[in-house]
C-alpha atoms as a PDB file:
ATOM      1  CA  UNK A   1      60.281  80.086 102.164  1.00  0.00           C
ATOM      2  CA  UNK A   2      59.961  83.144 104.282  1.00  0.00           C
ATOM      3  CA  UNK A   3      61.901  83.495 107.411  1.00  0.00           C
ATOM      4  CA  UNK A   4      60.238  81.000 109.942  1.00  0.00           C
ATOM      5  CA  UNK A   5      59.600  82.195 113.622  1.00  0.00           C
ATOM      6  CA  UNK A   6      61.769  80.291 116.280  1.00  0.00           C
ATOM      7  CA  UNK A   7      61.717  80.686 120.055  1.00  0.00           C
ATOM      8  CA  UNK A   8      64.889  82.484 120.206  1.00  0.00           C
ATOM      9  CA  UNK A   9      64.026  84.886 117.157  1.00  0.00           C
ATOM     10  CA  UNK A  10      61.094  85.691 119.666  1.00  0.00           C
ATOM     11  CA  UNK A  11      63.233  86.168 122.260  1.00  0.00           C
ATOM     12  CA  UNK A  12      65.699  88.691 120.193  1.00  0.00           C
ATOM     13  CA  UNK A  13      62.496  90.572 118.936  1.00  0.00           C
ATOM     14  CA  UNK A  14      61.251  90.993 122.788  1.00  0.00           C
ATOM     15  CA  UNK A  15      64.948  92.040 124.000  1.00  0.00           C
ATOM     16  CA  UNK A  16      65.267  94.733 121.170  1.00  0.00           C
ATOM     17  CA  UNK A  17      61.780  96.042 121.897  1.00  0.00           C
ATOM     18  CA  UNK A  18      62.729  96.130 125.681  1.00  0.00           C
ATOM     19  CA  UNK A  19      66.327  98.124 125.010  1.00  0.00           C
ATOM     20  CA  UNK A  20      64.303 100.628 122.869  1.00  0.00           C
ATOM     21  CA  UNK A  21      61.795 101.074 125.236  1.00  0.00           C
ATOM     22  CA  UNK A  22      64.428 101.422 128.248  1.00  0.00           C
ATOM     23  CA  UNK A  23      66.293 104.008 126.163  1.00  0.00           C
ATOM     24  CA  UNK A  24      63.376 106.019 125.844  1.00  0.00           C
ATOM     25  CA  UNK A  25      63.437 106.092 121.914  1.00  0.00           C
ATOM     26  CA  UNK A  26      60.327 105.665 119.521  1.00  0.00           C
ATOM     27  CA  UNK A  27      60.995 103.845 116.228  1.00  0.00           C
ATOM     28  CA  UNK A  28      60.896 107.394 114.794  1.00  0.00           C
ATOM     29  CA  UNK A  29      63.977 108.607 116.945  1.00  0.00           C
ATOM     30  CA  UNK A  30      65.854 105.232 116.026  1.00  0.00           C
ATOM     31  CA  UNK A  31      65.161 105.968 112.403  1.00  0.00           C
ATOM     32  CA  UNK A  32      66.643 109.414 112.847  1.00  0.00           C
ATOM     33  CA  UNK A  33      69.421 108.582 114.811  1.00  0.00           C
ATOM     34  CA  UNK A  34      70.576 105.608 112.784  1.00  0.00           C
ATOM     35  CA  UNK A  35      70.652 104.124 109.220  1.00  0.00           C
ATOM     36  CA  UNK A  36      67.784 101.696 110.303  1.00  0.00           C
ATOM     37  CA  UNK A  37      64.273 102.691 109.056  1.00  0.00           C
ATOM     38  CA  UNK A  38      61.104 102.241 110.963  1.00  0.00           C
ATOM     39  CA  UNK A  39      59.916  99.323 108.548  1.00  0.00           C
ATOM     40  CA  UNK A  40      63.139  97.427 109.246  1.00  0.00           C
ATOM     41  CA  UNK A  41      63.013  98.134 112.913  1.00  0.00           C
ATOM     42  CA  UNK A  42      59.390  97.094 113.076  1.00  0.00           C
ATOM     43  CA  UNK A  43      60.202  93.698 111.377  1.00  0.00           C
ATOM     44  CA  UNK A  44      62.869  93.048 113.752  1.00  0.00           C
ATOM     45  CA  UNK A  45      60.858  93.859 116.987  1.00  0.00           C
ATOM     46  CA  UNK A  46      58.125  91.576 115.348  1.00  0.00           C
ATOM     47  CA  UNK A  47      59.960  88.550 114.742  1.00  0.00           C
ATOM     48  CA  UNK A  48      59.542  88.703 111.386  1.00  0.00           C
ATOM     49  CA  UNK A  49      63.106  88.273 110.375  1.00  0.00           C
ATOM     50  CA  UNK A  50      66.757  88.241 111.889  1.00  0.00           C
ATOM     51  CA  UNK A  51      68.688  91.438 111.524  1.00  0.00           C
ATOM     52  CA  UNK A  52      71.927  92.020 109.673  1.00  0.00           C
ATOM     53  CA  UNK A  53      74.790  92.393 111.854  1.00  0.00           C
ATOM     54  CA  UNK A  54      75.420  95.984 110.813  1.00  0.00           C
ATOM     55  CA  UNK A  55      71.972  97.002 111.436  1.00  0.00           C
ATOM     56  CA  UNK A  56      72.096  95.185 115.104  1.00  0.00           C
ATOM     57  CA  UNK A  57      75.107  96.787 115.926  1.00  0.00           C
ATOM     58  CA  UNK A  58      73.547 100.275 114.994  1.00  0.00           C
ATOM     59  CA  UNK A  59      70.711  99.583 117.115  1.00  0.00           C
ATOM     60  CA  UNK A  60      72.840  98.603 120.160  1.00  0.00           C
ATOM     61  CA  UNK A  61      74.962 101.686 119.479  1.00  0.00           C
ATOM     62  CA  UNK A  62      72.159 103.807 119.764  1.00  0.00           C
ATOM     63  CA  UNK A  63      70.527 102.137 122.898  1.00  0.00           C
ATOM     64  CA  UNK A  64      74.100 102.282 124.652  1.00  0.00           C
ATOM     65  CA  UNK A  65      74.172  98.858 125.398  1.00  0.00           C
ATOM     66  CA  UNK A  66      77.335  97.805 127.258  1.00  0.00           C
ATOM     67  CA  UNK A  67      79.969  95.027 125.981  1.00  0.00           C
ATOM     68  CA  UNK A  68      78.599  92.067 127.885  1.00  0.00           C
ATOM     69  CA  UNK A  69      75.035  92.446 126.933  1.00  0.00           C
ATOM     70  CA  UNK A  70      75.879  93.396 123.302  1.00  0.00           C
ATOM     71  CA  UNK A  71      77.923  89.928 123.033  1.00  0.00           C
ATOM     72  CA  UNK A  72      74.747  88.057 124.550  1.00  0.00           C
ATOM     73  CA  UNK A  73      72.694  89.712 121.812  1.00  0.00           C
ATOM     74  CA  UNK A  74      74.577  89.191 118.993  1.00  0.00           C
ATOM     75  CA  UNK A  75      74.987  85.473 119.786  1.00  0.00           C
ATOM     76  CA  UNK A  76      71.279  85.246 120.377  1.00  0.00           C
ATOM     77  CA  UNK A  77      70.747  86.930 116.767  1.00  0.00           C
ATOM     78  CA  UNK A  78      73.381  84.408 115.416  1.00  0.00           C
ATOM     79  CA  UNK A  79      71.341  81.508 116.775  1.00  0.00           C
ATOM     80  CA  UNK A  80      67.880  82.869 116.098  1.00  0.00           C
ATOM     81  CA  UNK A  81      67.302  81.496 112.641  1.00  0.00           C
ATOM     82  CA  UNK A  82      68.869  77.845 113.530  1.00  0.00           C
ATOM     83  CA  UNK A  83      66.335  75.289 112.649  1.00  0.00           C
ATOM     84  CA  UNK A  84      67.736  71.905 112.723  1.00  0.00           C
ATOM     85  CA  UNK A  85      64.681  70.270 112.304  1.00  0.00           C
ATOM     86  CA  UNK A  86      64.183  71.681 108.900  1.00  0.00           C
ATOM     87  CA  UNK A  87      64.062  69.146 105.835  1.00  0.00           C
ATOM     88  CA  UNK A  88      64.382  70.259 102.361  1.00  0.00           C
ATOM     89  CA  UNK A  89      60.754  69.274 101.259  1.00  0.00           C
ATOM     90  CA  UNK A  90      59.424  71.402 104.006  1.00  0.00           C
ATOM     91  CA  UNK A  91      59.732  74.320 101.599  1.00  0.00           C
ATOM     92  CA  UNK A  92      56.571  72.860  99.857  1.00  0.00           C
ATOM     93  CA  UNK A  93      54.638  73.183 103.060  1.00  0.00           C
ATOM     94  CA  UNK A  94      52.416  75.979 104.352  1.00  0.00           C
ATOM     95  CA  UNK A  95      54.787  78.817 106.225  1.00  0.00           C
ATOM     96  CA  UNK A  96      52.332  78.512 109.293  1.00  0.00           C
ATOM     97  CA  UNK A  97      52.651  74.868 109.400  1.00  0.00           C
ATOM     98  CA  UNK A  98      56.602  74.977 109.475  1.00  0.00           C
ATOM     99  CA  UNK A  99      56.455  77.585 111.993  1.00  0.00           C
ATOM    100  CA  UNK A 100      54.416  75.428 114.283  1.00  0.00           C
ATOM    101  CA  UNK A 101      57.093  72.574 114.065  1.00  0.00           C
ATOM    102  CA  UNK A 102      59.629  75.011 114.692  1.00  0.00           C
ATOM    103  CA  UNK A 103      57.936  76.033 118.043  1.00  0.00           C
ATOM    104  CA  UNK A 104      57.100  72.444 118.743  1.00  0.00           C
ATOM    105  CA  UNK A 105      60.579  71.187 118.342  1.00  0.00           C
ATOM    106  CA  UNK A 106      61.860  73.879 121.000  1.00  0.00           C
ATOM    107  CA  UNK A 107      59.097  73.628 123.404  1.00  0.00           C
ATOM    108  CA  UNK A 108      59.427  71.905 126.874  1.00  0.00           C
ATOM    109  CA  UNK A 109      55.767  71.230 127.452  1.00  0.00           C
ATOM    110  CA  UNK A 110      52.739  70.941 124.996  1.00  0.00           C
ATOM    111  CA  UNK A 111      49.270  70.888 126.085  1.00  0.00           C
ATOM    112  CA  UNK A 112      46.895  69.786 123.263  1.00  0.00           C
ATOM    113  CA  UNK A 113      43.227  69.565 123.503  1.00  0.00           C
ATOM    114  CA  UNK A 114      41.674  67.738 120.447  1.00  0.00           C
ATOM    115  CA  UNK A 115      38.062  67.314 119.510  1.00  0.00           C
ATOM    116  CA  UNK A 116      37.980  65.301 116.310  1.00  0.00           C
ATOM    117  CA  UNK A 117      41.584  63.883 115.576  1.00  0.00           C
ATOM    118  CA  UNK A 118      44.289  62.103 117.779  1.00  0.00           C
ATOM    119  CA  UNK A 119      46.717  64.389 118.167  1.00  0.00           C
ATOM    120  CA  UNK A 120      49.628  64.724 115.679  1.00  0.00           C
ATOM    121  CA  UNK A 121      52.207  63.889 117.957  1.00  0.00           C
ATOM    122  CA  UNK A 122      50.305  60.551 119.023  1.00  0.00           C
ATOM    123  CA  UNK A 123      49.468  59.436 115.077  1.00  0.00           C
ATOM    124  CA  UNK A 124      50.310  56.409 113.577  1.00  0.00           C
ATOM    125  CA  UNK A 125      51.518  56.867 109.642  1.00  0.00           C
ATOM    126  CA  UNK A 126      48.495  54.861 108.407  1.00  0.00           C
ATOM    127  CA  UNK A 127      46.319  56.988 110.336  1.00  0.00           C
ATOM    128  CA  UNK A 128      47.799  60.317 109.381  1.00  0.00           C
ATOM    129  CA  UNK A 129      47.696  59.301 106.066  1.00  0.00           C
ATOM    130  CA  UNK A 130      44.127  58.839 106.037  1.00  0.00           C
ATOM    131  CA  UNK A 131      43.685  62.110 107.860  1.00  0.00           C
ATOM    132  CA  UNK A 132      45.568  63.935 105.401  1.00  0.00           C
ATOM    133  CA  UNK A 133      43.702  62.444 102.468  1.00  0.00           C
ATOM    134  CA  UNK A 134      40.422  63.001 104.270  1.00  0.00           C
ATOM    135  CA  UNK A 135      41.016  66.663 105.378  1.00  0.00           C
ATOM    136  CA  UNK A 136      42.836  67.652 101.996  1.00  0.00           C
ATOM    137  CA  UNK A 137      40.804  65.781  99.215  1.00  0.00           C
ATOM    138  CA  UNK A 138      42.491  67.931  96.209  1.00  0.00           C
ATOM    139  CA  UNK A 139      46.064  67.111  97.723  1.00  0.00           C
ATOM    140  CA  UNK A 140      48.359  65.301  95.322  1.00  0.00           C
ATOM    141  CA  UNK A 141      50.032  62.085  96.280  1.00  0.00           C
ATOM    142  CA  UNK A 142      53.503  64.070  96.690  1.00  0.00           C
ATOM    143  CA  UNK A 143      51.618  66.753  98.939  1.00  0.00           C
ATOM    144  CA  UNK A 144      50.318  63.952 101.088  1.00  0.00           C
ATOM    145  CA  UNK A 145      53.427  62.196 101.613  1.00  0.00           C
ATOM    146  CA  UNK A 146      55.144  65.363 102.587  1.00  0.00           C
ATOM    147  CA  UNK A 147      52.460  66.029 105.023  1.00  0.00           C
ATOM    148  CA  UNK A 148      52.461  62.561 106.419  1.00  0.00           C
ATOM    149  CA  UNK A 149      56.471  62.542 106.653  1.00  0.00           C
ATOM    150  CA  UNK A 150      56.627  65.785 108.661  1.00  0.00           C
ATOM    151  CA  UNK A 151      54.092  64.622 110.781  1.00  0.00           C
ATOM    152  CA  UNK A 152      55.968  61.348 111.535  1.00  0.00           C
ATOM    153  CA  UNK A 153      59.315  63.109 112.167  1.00  0.00           C
ATOM    154  CA  UNK A 154      57.887  65.880 114.553  1.00  0.00           C
ATOM    155  CA  UNK A 155      57.251  62.644 116.978  1.00  0.00           C
ATOM    156  CA  UNK A 156      61.251  62.627 117.175  1.00  0.00           C
ATOM    157  CA  UNK A 157      60.512  65.221 120.082  1.00  0.00           C
ATOM    158  CA  UNK A 158      60.106  62.126 122.302  1.00  0.00           C
ATOM    159  CA  UNK A 159      63.267  60.775 121.341  1.00  0.00           C
ATOM    160  CA  UNK A 160      65.460  63.880 122.767  1.00  0.00           C
ATOM    161  CA  UNK A 161      67.723  63.523 125.855  1.00  0.00           C
ATOM    162  CA  UNK A 162      64.935  65.547 127.478  1.00  0.00           C
ATOM    163  CA  UNK A 163      61.777  64.160 125.937  1.00  0.00           C
ATOM    164  CA  UNK A 164      58.985  66.695 125.056  1.00  0.00           C
ATOM    165  CA  UNK A 165      56.268  66.572 127.767  1.00  0.00           C
ATOM    166  CA  UNK A 166      52.703  66.140 126.152  1.00  0.00           C
ATOM    167  CA  UNK A 167      49.483  66.465 128.004  1.00  0.00           C
ATOM    168  CA  UNK A 168      46.840  65.448 125.587  1.00  0.00           C
ATOM    169  CA  UNK A 169      42.895  65.734 126.153  1.00  0.00           C
ATOM    170  CA  UNK A 170      40.704  64.367 123.593  1.00  0.00           C
ATOM    171  CA  UNK A 171      37.104  64.261 123.058  1.00  0.00           C
ATOM    172  CA  UNK A 172      35.594  60.675 123.117  1.00  0.00           C
ATOM    173  CA  UNK A 173      34.411  61.619 119.472  1.00  0.00           C
ATOM    174  CA  UNK A 174      38.310  61.647 118.216  1.00  0.00           C
ATOM    175  CA  UNK A 175      38.570  57.828 119.278  1.00  0.00           C
ATOM    176  CA  UNK A 176      35.347  56.594 117.986  1.00  0.00           C
ATOM    177  CA  UNK A 177      35.680  58.141 114.472  1.00  0.00           C
ATOM    178  CA  UNK A 178      36.809  55.448 112.269  1.00  0.00           C
ATOM    179  CA  UNK A 179      39.545  57.248 110.155  1.00  0.00           C
ATOM    180  CA  UNK A 180      40.788  55.040 107.424  1.00  0.00           C
ATOM    181  CA  UNK A 181      39.465  51.632 108.020  1.00  0.00           C
ATOM    182  CA  UNK A 182      38.675  49.609 111.324  1.00  0.00           C
ATOM    183  CA  UNK A 183      42.082  47.883 111.178  1.00  0.00           C
ATOM    184  CA  UNK A 184      43.842  51.511 110.838  1.00  0.00           C
ATOM    185  CA  UNK A 185      41.729  52.760 113.638  1.00  0.00           C
ATOM    186  CA  UNK A 186      42.430  49.407 115.780  1.00  0.00           C
ATOM    187  CA  UNK A 187      46.229  49.995 115.165  1.00  0.00           C
ATOM    188  CA  UNK A 188      46.022  53.393 116.171  1.00  0.00           C
ATOM    189  CA  UNK A 189      44.201  53.040 119.562  1.00  0.00           C
ATOM    190  CA  UNK A 190      46.626  50.323 120.381  1.00  0.00           C
ATOM    191  CA  UNK A 191      49.435  52.750 119.716  1.00  0.00           C
ATOM    192  CA  UNK A 192      47.482  55.347 121.861  1.00  0.00           C
ATOM    193  CA  UNK A 193      47.448  52.957 124.782  1.00  0.00           C
ATOM    194  CA  UNK A 194      50.992  52.160 124.583  1.00  0.00           C
ATOM    195  CA  UNK A 195      52.481  55.496 124.339  1.00  0.00           C
ATOM    196  CA  UNK A 196      50.060  56.964 127.131  1.00  0.00           C
ATOM    197  CA  UNK A 197      51.781  54.781 129.279  1.00  0.00           C
ATOM    198  CA  UNK A 198      55.170  56.590 128.569  1.00  0.00           C
ATOM    199  CA  UNK A 199      56.204  58.978 131.671  1.00  0.00           C
ATOM    200  CA  UNK A 200      56.535  62.086 129.212  1.00  0.00           C
ATOM    201  CA  UNK A 201      52.733  61.288 127.972  1.00  0.00           C
ATOM    202  CA  UNK A 202      49.657  62.145 130.046  1.00  0.00           C
ATOM    203  CA  UNK A 203      46.374  61.337 128.283  1.00  0.00           C
ATOM    204  CA  UNK A 204      42.844  61.826 129.132  1.00  0.00           C
ATOM    205  CA  UNK A 205      39.374  61.468 127.384  1.00  0.00           C
ATOM    206  CA  UNK A 206      36.367  63.680 127.982  1.00  0.00           C
ATOM    207  CA  UNK A 207      33.535  61.066 127.417  1.00  0.00           C
ATOM    208  CA  UNK A 208      30.218  61.832 125.723  1.00  0.00           C
ATOM    209  CA  UNK A 209      28.563  61.738 129.393  1.00  0.00           C
ATOM    210  CA  UNK A 210      30.278  64.868 130.374  1.00  0.00           C
ATOM    211  CA  UNK A 211      27.846  66.884 127.830  1.00  0.00           C
ATOM    212  CA  UNK A 212      28.689  70.487 126.546  1.00  0.00           C
ATOM    213  CA  UNK A 213      32.265  71.525 127.474  1.00  0.00           C
ATOM    214  CA  UNK A 214      34.613  74.412 126.874  1.00  0.00           C
ATOM    215  CA  UNK A 215      36.454  72.757 124.272  1.00  0.00           C
ATOM    216  CA  UNK A 216      33.576  72.087 121.880  1.00  0.00           C
ATOM    217  CA  UNK A 217      34.497  75.334 119.865  1.00  0.00           C
ATOM    218  CA  UNK A 218      37.615  73.742 118.535  1.00  0.00           C
ATOM    219  CA  UNK A 219      41.007  72.338 119.217  1.00  0.00           C
ATOM    220  CA  UNK A 220      43.936  74.236 120.479  1.00  0.00           C
ATOM    221  CA  UNK A 221      47.729  74.068 121.698  1.00  0.00           C
ATOM    222  CA  UNK A 222      49.468  75.505 124.377  1.00  0.00           C
ATOM    223  CA  UNK A 223      53.218  75.541 124.425  1.00  0.00           C
ATOM    224  CA  UNK A 224      55.706  76.391 126.987  1.00  0.00           C
ATOM    225  CA  UNK A 225      59.629  76.747 126.220  1.00  0.00           C
ATOM    226  CA  UNK A 226      62.641  75.999 128.374  1.00  0.00           C
ATOM    227  CA  UNK A 227      63.938  79.367 128.590  1.00  0.00           C
ATOM    228  CA  UNK A 228      61.688  81.257 131.181  1.00  0.00           C
ATOM    229  CA  UNK A 229      62.469  84.354 128.934  1.00  0.00           C
ATOM    230  CA  UNK A 230      60.344  82.876 126.196  1.00  0.00           C
ATOM    231  CA  UNK A 231      56.694  83.470 126.538  1.00  0.00           C
ATOM    232  CA  UNK A 232      54.075  80.798 126.191  1.00  0.00           C
ATOM    233  CA  UNK A 233      52.329  80.427 122.996  1.00  0.00           C
ATOM    234  CA  UNK A 234      48.747  79.485 121.708  1.00  0.00           C
ATOM    235  CA  UNK A 235      48.217  77.662 118.485  1.00  0.00           C
ATOM    236  CA  UNK A 236      44.918  77.292 116.714  1.00  0.00           C
ATOM    237  CA  UNK A 237      44.249  75.385 113.431  1.00  0.00           C
ATOM    238  CA  UNK A 238      41.067  76.460 111.953  1.00  0.00           C
ATOM    239  CA  UNK A 239      39.293  76.550 108.546  1.00  0.00           C
ATOM    240  CA  UNK A 240      39.931  80.276 108.620  1.00  0.00           C
ATOM    241  CA  UNK A 241      43.632  79.771 108.835  1.00  0.00           C
ATOM    242  CA  UNK A 242      46.277  79.255 111.382  1.00  0.00           C
ATOM    243  CA  UNK A 243      46.684  81.605 114.431  1.00  0.00           C
ATOM    244  CA  UNK A 244      49.436  82.146 116.833  1.00  0.00           C
ATOM    245  CA  UNK A 245      48.648  83.858 119.945  1.00  0.00           C
ATOM    246  CA  UNK A 246      51.157  85.238 122.723  1.00  0.00           C
ATOM    247  CA  UNK A 247      49.298  87.854 124.454  1.00  0.00           C
ATOM    248  CA  UNK A 248      49.131  87.461 128.306  1.00  0.00           C
ATOM    249  CA  UNK A 249      45.158  87.604 128.186  1.00  0.00           C
ATOM    250  CA  UNK A 250      45.174  84.902 125.313  1.00  0.00           C
ATOM    251  CA  UNK A 251      47.612  82.766 127.297  1.00  0.00           C
ATOM    252  CA  UNK A 252      45.339  83.085 130.599  1.00  0.00           C
ATOM    253  CA  UNK A 253      42.316  82.379 128.711  1.00  0.00           C
ATOM    254  CA  UNK A 254      43.361  79.163 127.116  1.00  0.00           C
ATOM    255  CA  UNK A 255      45.376  78.050 130.323  1.00  0.00           C
ATOM    256  CA  UNK A 256      42.062  78.403 132.230  1.00  0.00           C
ATOM    257  CA  UNK A 257      40.223  76.254 129.353  1.00  0.00           C
ATOM    258  CA  UNK A 258      42.683  73.731 129.455  1.00  0.00           C
ATOM    259  CA  UNK A 259      42.460  73.438 133.336  1.00  0.00           C
ATOM    260  CA  UNK A 260      38.629  73.263 133.199  1.00  0.00           C
ATOM    261  CA  UNK A 261      38.769  70.383 130.576  1.00  0.00           C
ATOM    262  CA  UNK A 262      41.496  68.694 132.654  1.00  0.00           C
ATOM    263  CA  UNK A 263      39.176  68.535 135.746  1.00  0.00           C
ATOM    264  CA  UNK A 264      36.180  67.516 133.479  1.00  0.00           C
ATOM    265  CA  UNK A 265      37.942  64.772 131.764  1.00  0.00           C
ATOM    266  CA  UNK A 266      38.401  61.122 132.921  1.00  0.00           C
ATOM    267  CA  UNK A 267      41.460  60.381 134.868  1.00  0.00           C
ATOM    268  CA  UNK A 268      44.561  58.913 133.202  1.00  0.00           C
ATOM    269  CA  UNK A 269      43.909  55.638 134.198  1.00  0.00           C
ATOM    270  CA  UNK A 270      40.045  55.828 133.389  1.00  0.00           C
ATOM    271  CA  UNK A 271      41.079  57.180 129.919  1.00  0.00           C
ATOM    272  CA  UNK A 272      43.336  54.022 129.572  1.00  0.00           C
ATOM    273  CA  UNK A 273      40.507  51.565 130.214  1.00  0.00           C
ATOM    274  CA  UNK A 274      37.998  53.376 127.717  1.00  0.00           C
ATOM    275  CA  UNK A 275      40.690  53.161 125.170  1.00  0.00           C
ATOM    276  CA  UNK A 276      41.416  49.421 126.094  1.00  0.00           C
ATOM    277  CA  UNK A 277      37.522  48.813 125.728  1.00  0.00           C
ATOM    278  CA  UNK A 278      37.398  50.623 122.079  1.00  0.00           C
ATOM    279  CA  UNK A 279      40.487  48.418 120.759  1.00  0.00           C
ATOM    280  CA  UNK A 280      38.613  45.389 121.742  1.00  0.00           C
ATOM    281  CA  UNK A 281      35.130  46.657 120.334  1.00  0.00           C
ATOM    282  CA  UNK A 282      36.698  47.598 117.069  1.00  0.00           C
ATOM    283  CA  UNK A 283      38.892  44.643 116.717  1.00  0.00           C
END
């Protein structure tokens, strides 16, 4: 498996870009002054891999970094590839999905809009299995099992000393589409009602009566991280592939969309009432 990104790896990349910029050097200048070629420097600054210690030392020398800052950078580099969430079978999952799990595990808050599915962090095992089987009809039994297990393990972010804070907005369609069977769906809705009562989860539903809205083009996830030096991240899962967006303009755009959806949706209490009604109907 290729080197997967982590929040710390992104932080290291951003810091190395900043140090080079402050030194007034181009990548070509750095390649001329050190043994580090431009391709390696690009990978480092794009968070596509953790640099070897000797490479990092050569760059810090070229940038004239003092001892205190140097120690902090070296420590960050050592931690950059730590992924305590990684399991052996994750090697068989798509790189983009493993990258997403990494970011989610390190996030402080997640804002998730879903138009067709219950958010992965709120899915029951049976519902998740039915979703994976439906979305990936050619997947083997082993592949389905790996996907489902990964999805269930992601939910341990709620069991941390400081639980992940999730703000989920769902289109009513995600609640009414029967996935798996009426029994599986009833259990899923019941679980949704229970976990929505937890202090670390805020759940809202956009009713059909709201008509057209800004979330209809597709689902997305906005992540914020504990360290103020780690920029927010947008994740989009689509038929064309998974996208990670971190440009300021993209963050602002999706932040604005989420705020619009939050204002349009039912309140958390009204959403809970709707879910309770649907549980009774499907049961």
